[in-house]
Amino acid sequence: MGRASVPCIYDEDVELEIGQAHILREGADVTILACGIEV
C-alpha cells in the first residue's frame, strides 16, 4: 500500500482473487501490464 492519494479505478464493492489479473481496457496493438499507482 502507498501514502499518496490516487484516483479511483474500481467500484467500492469490487471482489478480487489471488492469481487473477483484470483487463481494464481492450486493445489490439500493445499490452500494458501495470500494478499499483501505475495502473
PDB file of all heavy atoms in Angstrom:
ATOM      1  N   MET A   1       0.828  -1.203   0.000  1.00  0.00           N
ATOM      2  CA  MET A   1       0.000   0.000   0.000  1.00  0.00           C
ATOM      3  C   MET A   1       0.867   1.261   0.000  1.00  0.00           C
ATOM      4  O   MET A   1       2.034   1.219   0.361  1.00  0.00           O
ATOM      5  CB  MET A   1      -0.943  -0.010   1.202  1.00  0.00           C
ATOM      6  CG  MET A   1      -2.045  -1.046   1.082  1.00  0.00           C
ATOM      7  SD  MET A   1      -3.078  -1.184   2.560  1.00  0.00           S
ATOM      8  CE  MET A   1      -1.991  -2.110   3.657  1.00  0.00           C
ATOM      9  N   GLY A   2       0.261   2.377  -0.424  1.00  0.00           N
ATOM     10  CA  GLY A   2       1.008   3.609  -0.571  1.00  0.00           C
ATOM     11  C   GLY A   2       0.482   4.749   0.271  1.00  0.00           C
ATOM     12  O   GLY A   2      -0.598   4.681   0.861  1.00  0.00           O
ATOM     13  N   ARG A   3       1.249   5.829   0.277  1.00  0.00           N
ATOM     14  CA  ARG A   3       0.920   7.019   1.047  1.00  0.00           C
ATOM     15  C   ARG A   3       0.039   7.991   0.261  1.00  0.00           C
ATOM     16  O   ARG A   3      -0.854   8.634   0.820  1.00  0.00           O
ATOM     17  CB  ARG A   3       2.210   7.726   1.447  1.00  0.00           C
ATOM     18  CG  ARG A   3       2.017   9.067   2.131  1.00  0.00           C
ATOM     19  CD  ARG A   3       3.361   9.775   2.286  1.00  0.00           C
ATOM     20  NE  ARG A   3       3.298  10.921   3.176  1.00  0.00           N
ATOM     21  CZ  ARG A   3       4.342  11.687   3.455  1.00  0.00           C
ATOM     22  NH1 ARG A   3       5.524  11.415   2.923  1.00  0.00           N
ATOM     23  NH2 ARG A   3       4.203  12.712   4.278  1.00  0.00           N
ATOM     24  N   ALA A   4       0.297   8.124  -1.029  1.00  0.00           N
ATOM     25  CA  ALA A   4      -0.326   9.173  -1.834  1.00  0.00           C
ATOM     26  C   ALA A   4      -1.784   8.859  -2.171  1.00  0.00           C
ATOM     27  O   ALA A   4      -2.165   7.702  -2.341  1.00  0.00           O
ATOM     28  CB  ALA A   4       0.460   9.366  -3.130  1.00  0.00           C
ATOM     29  N   SER A   5      -2.587   9.910  -2.271  1.00  0.00           N
ATOM     30  CA  SER A   5      -3.969   9.755  -2.734  1.00  0.00           C
ATOM     31  C   SER A   5      -3.954   9.544  -4.239  1.00  0.00           C
ATOM     32  O   SER A   5      -3.259  10.249  -4.981  1.00  0.00           O
ATOM     33  CB  SER A   5      -4.783  11.005  -2.392  1.00  0.00           C
ATOM     34  OG  SER A   5      -4.897  11.152  -0.995  1.00  0.00           O
ATOM     35  N   VAL A   6      -4.705   8.544  -4.688  1.00  0.00           N
ATOM     36  CA  VAL A   6      -4.712   8.175  -6.105  1.00  0.00           C
ATOM     37  C   VAL A   6      -6.151   8.073  -6.599  1.00  0.00           C
ATOM     38  O   VAL A   6      -7.087   7.871  -5.810  1.00  0.00           O
ATOM     39  CB  VAL A   6      -3.977   6.839  -6.324  1.00  0.00           C
ATOM     40  CG1 VAL A   6      -2.494   6.986  -6.014  1.00  0.00           C
ATOM     41  CG2 VAL A   6      -4.578   5.728  -5.464  1.00  0.00           C
ATOM     42  N   PRO A   7      -6.369   8.202  -7.917  1.00  0.00           N
ATOM     43  CA  PRO A   7      -7.731   8.131  -8.468  1.00  0.00           C
ATOM     44  C   PRO A   7      -8.383   6.772  -8.226  1.00  0.00           C
ATOM     45  O   PRO A   7      -7.704   5.749  -8.118  1.00  0.00           O
ATOM     46  CB  PRO A   7      -7.515   8.375  -9.968  1.00  0.00           C
ATOM     47  CG  PRO A   7      -6.212   9.101 -10.060  1.00  0.00           C
ATOM     48  CD  PRO A   7      -5.375   8.545  -8.949  1.00  0.00           C
ATOM     49  N   CYS A   8      -9.693   6.790  -8.155  1.00  0.00           N
ATOM     50  CA  CYS A   8     -10.452   5.544  -8.008  1.00  0.00           C
ATOM     51  C   CYS A   8     -10.607   4.883  -9.369  1.00  0.00           C
ATOM     52  O   CYS A   8     -10.941   5.538 -10.358  1.00  0.00           O
ATOM     53  CB  CYS A   8     -11.817   5.826  -7.395  1.00  0.00           C
ATOM     54  SG  CYS A   8     -11.727   6.407  -5.688  1.00  0.00           S
ATOM     55  N   ILE A   9     -10.380   3.590  -9.415  1.00  0.00           N
ATOM     56  CA  ILE A   9     -10.479   2.815 -10.647  1.00  0.00           C
ATOM     57  C   ILE A   9     -11.619   1.804 -10.560  1.00  0.00           C
ATOM     58  O   ILE A   9     -12.338   1.584 -11.523  1.00  0.00           O
ATOM     59  CB  ILE A   9      -9.141   2.108 -10.934  1.00  0.00           C
ATOM     60  CG1 ILE A   9      -8.068   3.155 -11.262  1.00  0.00           C
ATOM     61  CG2 ILE A   9      -9.273   1.096 -12.068  1.00  0.00           C
ATOM     62  CD1 ILE A   9      -6.664   2.608 -11.298  1.00  0.00           C
ATOM     63  N   TYR A  10     -11.783   1.215  -9.396  1.00  0.00           N
ATOM     64  CA  TYR A  10     -12.786   0.168  -9.209  1.00  0.00           C
ATOM     65  C   TYR A  10     -13.973   0.682  -8.397  1.00  0.00           C
ATOM     66  O   TYR A  10     -13.861   1.632  -7.623  1.00  0.00           O
ATOM     67  CB  TYR A  10     -12.177  -1.021  -8.469  1.00  0.00           C
ATOM     68  CG  TYR A  10     -11.172  -1.811  -9.272  1.00  0.00           C
ATOM     69  CD1 TYR A  10      -9.805  -1.590  -9.132  1.00  0.00           C
ATOM     70  CD2 TYR A  10     -11.579  -2.784 -10.172  1.00  0.00           C
ATOM     71  CE1 TYR A  10      -8.872  -2.317  -9.859  1.00  0.00           C
ATOM     72  CE2 TYR A  10     -10.663  -3.521 -10.901  1.00  0.00           C
ATOM     73  CZ  TYR A  10      -9.326  -3.281 -10.742  1.00  0.00           C
ATOM     74  OH  TYR A  10      -8.405  -4.000 -11.467  1.00  0.00           O
ATOM     75  N   ASP A  11     -15.120   0.017  -8.558  1.00  0.00           N
ATOM     76  CA  ASP A  11     -16.262   0.256  -7.688  1.00  0.00           C
ATOM     77  C   ASP A  11     -15.931  -0.243  -6.282  1.00  0.00           C
ATOM     78  O   ASP A  11     -15.132  -1.182  -6.115  1.00  0.00           O
ATOM     79  CB  ASP A  11     -17.500  -0.480  -8.211  1.00  0.00           C
ATOM     80  CG  ASP A  11     -18.006   0.110  -9.529  1.00  0.00           C
ATOM     81  OD1 ASP A  11     -17.813   1.320  -9.747  1.00  0.00           O
ATOM     82  OD2 ASP A  11     -18.559  -0.662 -10.335  1.00  0.00           O
ATOM     83  N   GLU A  12     -16.543   0.348  -5.288  1.00  0.00           N
ATOM     84  CA  GLU A  12     -16.180   0.020  -3.902  1.00  0.00           C
ATOM     85  C   GLU A  12     -16.492  -1.421  -3.512  1.00  0.00           C
ATOM     86  O   GLU A  12     -15.904  -1.945  -2.570  1.00  0.00           O
ATOM     87  CB  GLU A  12     -16.872   0.997  -2.934  1.00  0.00           C
ATOM     88  CG  GLU A  12     -16.278   2.385  -2.964  1.00  0.00           C
ATOM     89  CD  GLU A  12     -16.270   3.053  -1.599  1.00  0.00           C
ATOM     90  OE1 GLU A  12     -16.518   2.365  -0.593  1.00  0.00           O
ATOM     91  OE2 GLU A  12     -16.022   4.268  -1.559  1.00  0.00           O
ATOM     92  N   ASP A  13     -17.406  -2.067  -4.222  1.00  0.00           N
ATOM     93  CA  ASP A  13     -17.754  -3.447  -3.874  1.00  0.00           C
ATOM     94  C   ASP A  13     -17.016  -4.468  -4.736  1.00  0.00           C
ATOM     95  O   ASP A  13     -17.411  -5.630  -4.819  1.00  0.00           O
ATOM     96  CB  ASP A  13     -19.266  -3.660  -3.994  1.00  0.00           C
ATOM     97  CG  ASP A  13     -19.783  -3.384  -5.413  1.00  0.00           C
ATOM     98  OD1 ASP A  13     -19.001  -2.868  -6.243  1.00  0.00           O
ATOM     99  OD2 ASP A  13     -20.969  -3.664  -5.677  1.00  0.00           O
ATOM    100  N   VAL A  14     -15.913  -4.053  -5.378  1.00  0.00           N
ATOM    101  CA  VAL A  14     -15.184  -4.973  -6.245  1.00  0.00           C
ATOM    102  C   VAL A  14     -14.661  -6.165  -5.440  1.00  0.00           C
ATOM    103  O   VAL A  14     -14.278  -6.037  -4.279  1.00  0.00           O
ATOM    104  CB  VAL A  14     -14.010  -4.247  -6.951  1.00  0.00           C
ATOM    105  CG1 VAL A  14     -12.979  -3.767  -5.949  1.00  0.00           C
ATOM    106  CG2 VAL A  14     -13.370  -5.147  -7.987  1.00  0.00           C
ATOM    107  N   GLU A  15     -14.696  -7.339  -6.073  1.00  0.00           N
ATOM    108  CA  GLU A  15     -14.146  -8.547  -5.465  1.00  0.00           C
ATOM    109  C   GLU A  15     -12.993  -9.029  -6.339  1.00  0.00           C
ATOM    110  O   GLU A  15     -13.142  -9.168  -7.556  1.00  0.00           O
ATOM    111  CB  GLU A  15     -15.221  -9.635  -5.344  1.00  0.00           C
ATOM    112  CG  GLU A  15     -16.314  -9.287  -4.342  1.00  0.00           C
ATOM    113  CD  GLU A  15     -17.293 -10.428  -4.120  1.00  0.00           C
ATOM    114  OE1 GLU A  15     -17.054 -11.518  -4.685  1.00  0.00           O
ATOM    115  OE2 GLU A  15     -18.276 -10.223  -3.404  1.00  0.00           O
ATOM    116  N   LEU A  16     -11.860  -9.249  -5.733  1.00  0.00           N
ATOM    117  CA  LEU A  16     -10.673  -9.683  -6.458  1.00  0.00           C
ATOM    118  C   LEU A  16     -10.248 -11.061  -5.969  1.00  0.00           C
ATOM    119  O   LEU A  16     -10.647 -11.497  -4.898  1.00  0.00           O
ATOM    120  CB  LEU A  16      -9.545  -8.671  -6.259  1.00  0.00           C
ATOM    121  CG  LEU A  16      -9.868  -7.231  -6.684  1.00  0.00           C
ATOM    122  CD1 LEU A  16      -8.732  -6.301  -6.302  1.00  0.00           C
ATOM    123  CD2 LEU A  16     -10.126  -7.153  -8.182  1.00  0.00           C
ATOM    124  N   GLU A  17      -9.431 -11.734  -6.774  1.00  0.00           N
ATOM    125  CA  GLU A  17      -8.968 -13.067  -6.419  1.00  0.00           C
ATOM    126  C   GLU A  17      -7.459 -13.154  -6.560  1.00  0.00           C
ATOM    127  O   GLU A  17      -6.873 -12.527  -7.445  1.00  0.00           O
ATOM    128  CB  GLU A  17      -9.627 -14.129  -7.309  1.00  0.00           C
ATOM    129  CG  GLU A  17     -11.131 -14.259  -7.123  1.00  0.00           C
ATOM    130  CD  GLU A  17     -11.534 -14.697  -5.727  1.00  0.00           C
ATOM    131  OE1 GLU A  17     -10.732 -15.406  -5.073  1.00  0.00           O
ATOM    132  OE2 GLU A  17     -12.629 -14.319  -5.278  1.00  0.00           O
ATOM    133  N   ILE A  18      -6.850 -13.937  -5.713  1.00  0.00           N
ATOM    134  CA  ILE A  18      -5.421 -14.196  -5.835  1.00  0.00           C
ATOM    135  C   ILE A  18      -5.177 -14.972  -7.125  1.00  0.00           C
ATOM    136  O   ILE A  18      -5.907 -15.904  -7.461  1.00  0.00           O
ATOM    137  CB  ILE A  18      -4.907 -14.971  -4.614  1.00  0.00           C
ATOM    138  CG1 ILE A  18      -4.865 -14.046  -3.390  1.00  0.00           C
ATOM    139  CG2 ILE A  18      -3.523 -15.575  -4.870  1.00  0.00           C
ATOM    140  CD1 ILE A  18      -4.431 -14.701  -2.107  1.00  0.00           C
ATOM    141  N   GLY A  19      -4.165 -14.548  -7.866  1.00  0.00           N
ATOM    142  CA  GLY A  19      -3.849 -15.207  -9.125  1.00  0.00           C
ATOM    143  C   GLY A  19      -4.678 -14.725 -10.290  1.00  0.00           C
ATOM    144  O   GLY A  19      -4.677 -15.355 -11.356  1.00  0.00           O
ATOM    145  N   GLN A  20      -5.352 -13.595 -10.136  1.00  0.00           N
ATOM    146  CA  GLN A  20      -6.242 -13.104 -11.185  1.00  0.00           C
ATOM    147  C   GLN A  20      -5.894 -11.666 -11.553  1.00  0.00           C
ATOM    148  O   GLN A  20      -5.806 -10.793 -10.688  1.00  0.00           O
ATOM    149  CB  GLN A  20      -7.691 -13.177 -10.695  1.00  0.00           C
ATOM    150  CG  GLN A  20      -8.726 -12.787 -11.725  1.00  0.00           C
ATOM    151  CD  GLN A  20     -10.138 -12.906 -11.162  1.00  0.00           C
ATOM    152  OE1 GLN A  20     -10.621 -12.039 -10.437  1.00  0.00           O
ATOM    153  NE2 GLN A  20     -10.785 -14.015 -11.466  1.00  0.00           N
ATOM    154  N   ALA A  21      -5.658 -11.435 -12.852  1.00  0.00           N
ATOM    155  CA  ALA A  21      -5.466 -10.087 -13.379  1.00  0.00           C
ATOM    156  C   ALA A  21      -6.776  -9.630 -14.013  1.00  0.00           C
ATOM    157  O   ALA A  21      -7.696 -10.426 -14.214  1.00  0.00           O
ATOM    158  CB  ALA A  21      -4.344 -10.070 -14.401  1.00  0.00           C
ATOM    159  N   HIS A  22      -6.849  -8.321 -14.339  1.00  0.00           N
ATOM    160  CA  HIS A  22      -8.100  -7.772 -14.876  1.00  0.00           C
ATOM    161  C   HIS A  22      -7.807  -6.885 -16.085  1.00  0.00           C
ATOM    162  O   HIS A  22      -6.986  -5.970 -16.002  1.00  0.00           O
ATOM    163  CB  HIS A  22      -8.819  -6.941 -13.804  1.00  0.00           C
ATOM    164  CG  HIS A  22      -9.226  -7.740 -12.614  1.00  0.00           C
ATOM    165  ND1 HIS A  22     -10.454  -8.337 -12.498  1.00  0.00           N
ATOM    166  CD2 HIS A  22      -8.536  -8.073 -11.493  1.00  0.00           C
ATOM    167  CE1 HIS A  22     -10.510  -8.989 -11.351  1.00  0.00           C
ATOM    168  NE2 HIS A  22      -9.367  -8.844 -10.729  1.00  0.00           N
ATOM    169  N   ILE A  23      -8.484  -7.164 -17.188  1.00  0.00           N
ATOM    170  CA  ILE A  23      -8.375  -6.302 -18.359  1.00  0.00           C
ATOM    171  C   ILE A  23      -9.294  -5.104 -18.138  1.00  0.00           C
ATOM    172  O   ILE A  23     -10.513  -5.248 -18.040  1.00  0.00           O
ATOM    173  CB  ILE A  23      -8.757  -7.053 -19.651  1.00  0.00           C
ATOM    174  CG1 ILE A  23      -7.774  -8.191 -19.908  1.00  0.00           C
ATOM    175  CG2 ILE A  23      -8.777  -6.087 -20.844  1.00  0.00           C
ATOM    176  CD1 ILE A  23      -8.130  -9.067 -21.104  1.00  0.00           C
ATOM    177  N   LEU A  24      -8.696  -3.925 -18.048  1.00  0.00           N
ATOM    178  CA  LEU A  24      -9.468  -2.709 -17.819  1.00  0.00           C
ATOM    179  C   LEU A  24      -9.840  -2.024 -19.128  1.00  0.00           C
ATOM    180  O   LEU A  24     -10.792  -1.236 -19.164  1.00  0.00           O
ATOM    181  CB  LEU A  24      -8.667  -1.731 -16.945  1.00  0.00           C
ATOM    182  CG  LEU A  24      -8.282  -2.243 -15.551  1.00  0.00           C
ATOM    183  CD1 LEU A  24      -7.489  -1.180 -14.806  1.00  0.00           C
ATOM    184  CD2 LEU A  24      -9.515  -2.643 -14.757  1.00  0.00           C
ATOM    185  N   ARG A  25      -9.066  -2.288 -20.179  1.00  0.00           N
ATOM    186  CA  ARG A  25      -9.356  -1.714 -21.496  1.00  0.00           C
ATOM    187  C   ARG A  25      -8.872  -2.676 -22.568  1.00  0.00           C
ATOM    188  O   ARG A  25      -7.732  -3.122 -22.534  1.00  0.00           O
ATOM    189  CB  ARG A  25      -8.670  -0.359 -21.649  1.00  0.00           C
ATOM    190  CG  ARG A  25      -8.986   0.339 -22.966  1.00  0.00           C
ATOM    191  CD  ARG A  25      -8.447   1.752 -23.000  1.00  0.00           C
ATOM    192  NE  ARG A  25      -8.962   2.550 -21.890  1.00  0.00           N
ATOM    193  CZ  ARG A  25      -8.700   3.856 -21.749  1.00  0.00           C
ATOM    194  NH1 ARG A  25      -7.939   4.485 -22.627  1.00  0.00           N
ATOM    195  NH2 ARG A  25      -9.207   4.510 -20.722  1.00  0.00           N
ATOM    196  N   GLU A  26      -9.733  -3.017 -23.490  1.00  0.00           N
ATOM    197  CA  GLU A  26      -9.372  -3.916 -24.589  1.00  0.00           C
ATOM    198  C   GLU A  26      -8.531  -3.170 -25.617  1.00  0.00           C
ATOM    199  O   GLU A  26      -8.722  -1.974 -25.860  1.00  0.00           O
ATOM    200  CB  GLU A  26     -10.633  -4.458 -25.271  1.00  0.00           C
ATOM    201  CG  GLU A  26     -11.535  -5.281 -24.362  1.00  0.00           C
ATOM    202  CD  GLU A  26     -11.151  -6.738 -24.310  1.00  0.00           C
ATOM    203  OE1 GLU A  26     -10.203  -7.121 -25.030  1.00  0.00           O
ATOM    204  OE2 GLU A  26     -11.793  -7.494 -23.553  1.00  0.00           O
ATOM    205  N   GLY A  27      -7.580  -3.879 -26.216  1.00  0.00           N
ATOM    206  CA  GLY A  27      -6.745  -3.280 -27.245  1.00  0.00           C
ATOM    207  C   GLY A  27      -6.159  -4.341 -28.149  1.00  0.00           C
ATOM    208  O   GLY A  27      -6.227  -5.537 -27.851  1.00  0.00           O
ATOM    209  N   ALA A  28      -5.542  -3.897 -29.247  1.00  0.00           N
ATOM    210  CA  ALA A  28      -5.060  -4.844 -30.244  1.00  0.00           C
ATOM    211  C   ALA A  28      -3.582  -4.702 -30.588  1.00  0.00           C
ATOM    212  O   ALA A  28      -2.995  -5.628 -31.153  1.00  0.00           O
ATOM    213  CB  ALA A  28      -5.883  -4.683 -31.530  1.00  0.00           C
ATOM    214  N   ASP A  29      -2.967  -3.557 -30.262  1.00  0.00           N
ATOM    215  CA  ASP A  29      -1.617  -3.286 -30.755  1.00  0.00           C
ATOM    216  C   ASP A  29      -0.503  -3.503 -29.733  1.00  0.00           C
ATOM    217  O   ASP A  29       0.617  -3.850 -30.095  1.00  0.00           O
ATOM    218  CB  ASP A  29      -1.535  -1.842 -31.261  1.00  0.00           C
ATOM    219  CG  ASP A  29      -2.474  -1.571 -32.420  1.00  0.00           C
ATOM    220  OD1 ASP A  29      -2.659  -2.494 -33.245  1.00  0.00           O
ATOM    221  OD2 ASP A  29      -3.043  -0.464 -32.488  1.00  0.00           O
ATOM    222  N   VAL A  30      -0.780  -3.278 -28.471  1.00  0.00           N
ATOM    223  CA  VAL A  30       0.217  -3.433 -27.423  1.00  0.00           C
ATOM    224  C   VAL A  30      -0.492  -3.689 -26.099  1.00  0.00           C
ATOM    225  O   VAL A  30      -1.562  -3.148 -25.843  1.00  0.00           O
ATOM    226  CB  VAL A  30       1.125  -2.174 -27.322  1.00  0.00           C
ATOM    227  CG1 VAL A  30       0.306  -0.930 -27.025  1.00  0.00           C
ATOM    228  CG2 VAL A  30       2.225  -2.356 -26.279  1.00  0.00           C
ATOM    229  N   THR A  31       0.097  -4.556 -25.290  1.00  0.00           N
ATOM    230  CA  THR A  31      -0.428  -4.844 -23.950  1.00  0.00           C
ATOM    231  C   THR A  31       0.347  -4.042 -22.913  1.00  0.00           C
ATOM    232  O   THR A  31       1.580  -4.090 -22.897  1.00  0.00           O
ATOM    233  CB  THR A  31      -0.310  -6.341 -23.622  1.00  0.00           C
ATOM    234  OG1 THR A  31      -1.103  -7.095 -24.532  1.00  0.00           O
ATOM    235  CG2 THR A  31      -0.772  -6.625 -22.198  1.00  0.00           C
ATOM    236  N   ILE A  32      -0.351  -3.299 -22.071  1.00  0.00           N
ATOM    237  CA  ILE A  32       0.289  -2.599 -20.959  1.00  0.00           C
ATOM    238  C   ILE A  32      -0.132  -3.290 -19.669  1.00  0.00           C
ATOM    239  O   ILE A  32      -1.310  -3.278 -19.300  1.00  0.00           O
ATOM    240  CB  ILE A  32      -0.100  -1.106 -20.903  1.00  0.00           C
ATOM    241  CG1 ILE A  32       0.222  -0.418 -22.238  1.00  0.00           C
ATOM    242  CG2 ILE A  32       0.622  -0.416 -19.752  1.00  0.00           C
ATOM    243  CD1 ILE A  32      -0.247   1.035 -22.303  1.00  0.00           C
ATOM    244  N   LEU A  33       0.837  -3.904 -19.012  1.00  0.00           N
ATOM    245  CA  LEU A  33       0.606  -4.621 -17.764  1.00  0.00           C
ATOM    246  C   LEU A  33       1.098  -3.739 -16.618  1.00  0.00           C
ATOM    247  O   LEU A  33       2.283  -3.405 -16.560  1.00  0.00           O
ATOM    248  CB  LEU A  33       1.367  -5.946 -17.768  1.00  0.00           C
ATOM    249  CG  LEU A  33       1.056  -6.889 -18.943  1.00  0.00           C
ATOM    250  CD1 LEU A  33       2.194  -7.880 -19.136  1.00  0.00           C
ATOM    251  CD2 LEU A  33      -0.253  -7.612 -18.709  1.00  0.00           C
ATOM    252  N   ALA A  34       0.204  -3.364 -15.728  1.00  0.00           N
ATOM    253  CA  ALA A  34       0.565  -2.415 -14.674  1.00  0.00           C
ATOM    254  C   ALA A  34       0.074  -2.900 -13.321  1.00  0.00           C
ATOM    255  O   ALA A  34      -0.817  -3.751 -13.227  1.00  0.00           O
ATOM    256  CB  ALA A  34      -0.025  -1.035 -14.981  1.00  0.00           C
ATOM    257  N   CYS A  35       0.669  -2.329 -12.266  1.00  0.00           N
ATOM    258  CA  CYS A  35       0.207  -2.626 -10.907  1.00  0.00           C
ATOM    259  C   CYS A  35       0.321  -1.370 -10.071  1.00  0.00           C
ATOM    260  O   CYS A  35       1.068  -0.438 -10.397  1.00  0.00           O
ATOM    261  CB  CYS A  35       0.996  -3.775 -10.287  1.00  0.00           C
ATOM    262  SG  CYS A  35       2.759  -3.410 -10.014  1.00  0.00           S
ATOM    263  N   GLY A  36      -0.452  -1.317  -8.986  1.00  0.00           N
ATOM    264  CA  GLY A  36      -0.395  -0.191  -8.066  1.00  0.00           C
ATOM    265  C   GLY A  36      -0.750   1.125  -8.726  1.00  0.00           C
ATOM    266  O   GLY A  36      -1.636   1.186  -9.591  1.00  0.00           O
ATOM    267  N   ILE A  37      -0.054   2.187  -8.347  1.00  0.00           N
ATOM    268  CA  ILE A  37      -0.392   3.511  -8.873  1.00  0.00           C
ATOM    269  C   ILE A  37      -0.111   3.631 -10.372  1.00  0.00           C
ATOM    270  O   ILE A  37      -0.616   4.546 -11.024  1.00  0.00           O
ATOM    271  CB  ILE A  37       0.346   4.633  -8.121  1.00  0.00           C
ATOM    272  CG1 ILE A  37       1.851   4.583  -8.374  1.00  0.00           C
ATOM    273  CG2 ILE A  37       0.044   4.586  -6.639  1.00  0.00           C
ATOM    274  CD1 ILE A  37       2.586   5.802  -7.844  1.00  0.00           C
ATOM    275  N   GLU A  38       0.638   2.698 -10.924  1.00  0.00           N
ATOM    276  CA  GLU A  38       0.922   2.737 -12.362  1.00  0.00           C
ATOM    277  C   GLU A  38      -0.277   2.325 -13.209  1.00  0.00           C
ATOM    278  O   GLU A  38      -0.286   2.549 -14.429  1.00  0.00           O
ATOM    279  CB  GLU A  38       2.120   1.852 -12.688  1.00  0.00           C
ATOM    280  CG  GLU A  38       3.445   2.418 -12.217  1.00  0.00           C
ATOM    281  CD  GLU A  38       3.790   3.728 -12.898  1.00  0.00           C
ATOM    282  OE1 GLU A  38       4.202   3.700 -14.068  1.00  0.00           O
ATOM    283  OE2 GLU A  38       3.635   4.787 -12.249  1.00  0.00           O
ATOM    284  N   VAL A  39      -1.291   1.742 -12.601  1.00  0.00           N
ATOM    285  CA  VAL A  39      -2.489   1.375 -13.367  1.00  0.00           C
ATOM    286  C   VAL A  39      -3.173   2.626 -13.914  1.00  0.00           C
ATOM    287  O   VAL A  39      -3.567   2.684 -15.084  1.00  0.00           O
ATOM    288  CB  VAL A  39      -3.459   0.543 -12.502  1.00  0.00           C
ATOM    289  CG1 VAL A  39      -4.768   0.295 -13.255  1.00  0.00           C
ATOM    290  CG2 VAL A  39      -2.815  -0.786 -12.114  1.00  0.00           C
TER     291      VAL A  39
END
